[in-house]
Amino acid sequence: MPKVTEKYQVTIPKEVREKIGLKPGEEVEVIPLNDNEILLRRKVEKIKNPLQILLAKEEEKEIPPEKIDELAEE
């Protein structure tokens, strides 16, 4: 189980990082849920025009699968 260091840092376990494809340098939001739980949520860059990216009319950007699903629902 990860522990909080003196600098209030926590290491995300390797199996979790691999499962969600988390890469070094990515930003995450830390959201307190209650006195005992926090939620870490990957901060995803907003894409102004996803259709142009999908059609490769702009520079290519990696879009996570969950973001594609989210965009499809809009």
Protein backbone atom coordinates (compact mmCIF):
# COMPACT_ATOMS: atom_id res chain seq x y z
CA MET A 1 0.00 0.00 0.00
CA PRO A 2 1.46 3.41 -0.94
CA LYS A 3 2.39 5.79 1.85
CA VAL A 4 2.49 9.58 1.96
CA THR A 5 6.10 10.86 2.12
CA GLU A 6 7.30 13.80 4.20
CA LYS A 7 6.81 15.95 1.08
CA TYR A 8 3.20 14.68 0.77
CA GLN A 9 3.99 12.62 -2.32
CA VAL A 10 2.38 9.27 -3.14
CA THR A 11 3.64 6.74 -5.68
CA ILE A 12 0.89 5.36 -7.91
CA PRO A 13 1.41 1.57 -8.13
CA LYS A 14 2.86 0.26 -11.40
CA GLU A 15 -0.14 -1.96 -12.19
CA VAL A 16 -2.47 1.06 -11.87
CA ARG A 17 -0.22 3.28 -14.03
CA GLU A 18 -0.03 0.58 -16.71
CA LYS A 19 -3.77 -0.13 -16.61
CA ILE A 20 -4.70 3.50 -17.32
CA GLY A 21 -1.64 4.34 -19.42
CA LEU A 22 -0.46 7.12 -17.10
CA LYS A 23 2.79 8.70 -18.23
CA PRO A 24 5.36 10.80 -16.32
CA GLY A 25 4.57 14.51 -16.47
CA GLU A 26 0.81 14.09 -16.90
CA GLU A 27 -1.27 16.29 -14.65
CA VAL A 28 -3.85 14.86 -12.29
CA GLU A 29 -6.56 16.53 -10.24
CA VAL A 30 -6.78 15.65 -6.55
CA ILE A 31 -10.39 15.77 -5.37
CA PRO A 32 -11.36 15.20 -1.73
CA LEU A 33 -14.46 13.00 -1.51
CA ASN A 34 -14.77 12.85 2.27
CA ASP A 35 -12.52 12.69 5.36
CA ASN A 36 -11.03 9.33 4.27
CA GLU A 37 -11.09 9.27 0.46
CA ILE A 38 -9.56 11.24 -2.38
CA LEU A 39 -10.03 10.86 -6.11
CA LEU A 40 -7.16 11.24 -8.58
CA ARG A 41 -8.43 12.20 -12.00
CA ARG A 42 -6.23 12.58 -15.08
CA LYS A 43 -6.42 16.14 -16.32
CA VAL A 44 -7.22 15.89 -20.04
CA GLU A 45 -6.49 18.68 -22.46
CA LYS A 46 -9.64 20.10 -24.02
CA ILE A 47 -9.69 19.61 -27.78
CA LYS A 48 -11.22 22.52 -29.68
CA ASN A 49 -12.11 20.64 -32.84
CA PRO A 50 -11.83 16.86 -32.46
CA LEU A 51 -13.07 16.23 -35.99
CA GLN A 52 -10.05 18.03 -37.47
CA ILE A 53 -7.73 15.94 -35.34
CA LEU A 54 -9.49 12.72 -36.31
CA LEU A 55 -9.20 13.72 -39.97
CA ALA A 56 -5.50 14.63 -39.38
CA LYS A 57 -5.96 18.25 -40.52
CA GLU A 58 -4.06 19.47 -37.47
CA GLU A 59 -0.93 18.16 -35.84
CA GLU A 60 -1.51 14.68 -34.53
CA LYS A 61 -2.35 14.39 -30.84
CA GLU A 62 -2.81 11.23 -28.84
CA ILE A 63 -6.42 10.92 -27.69
CA PRO A 64 -7.15 8.41 -24.92
CA PRO A 65 -9.98 5.95 -25.67
CA GLU A 66 -12.13 7.29 -22.82
CA LYS A 67 -11.88 10.80 -24.31
CA ILE A 68 -13.09 9.53 -27.68
CA ASP A 69 -16.10 7.95 -25.95
CA GLU A 70 -16.76 11.22 -24.12
CA LEU A 71 -16.56 13.23 -27.34
CA ALA A 72 -18.88 10.81 -29.11
CA GLU A 73 -21.53 11.41 -26.42
CA GLU A 74 -21.45 15.21 -26.88
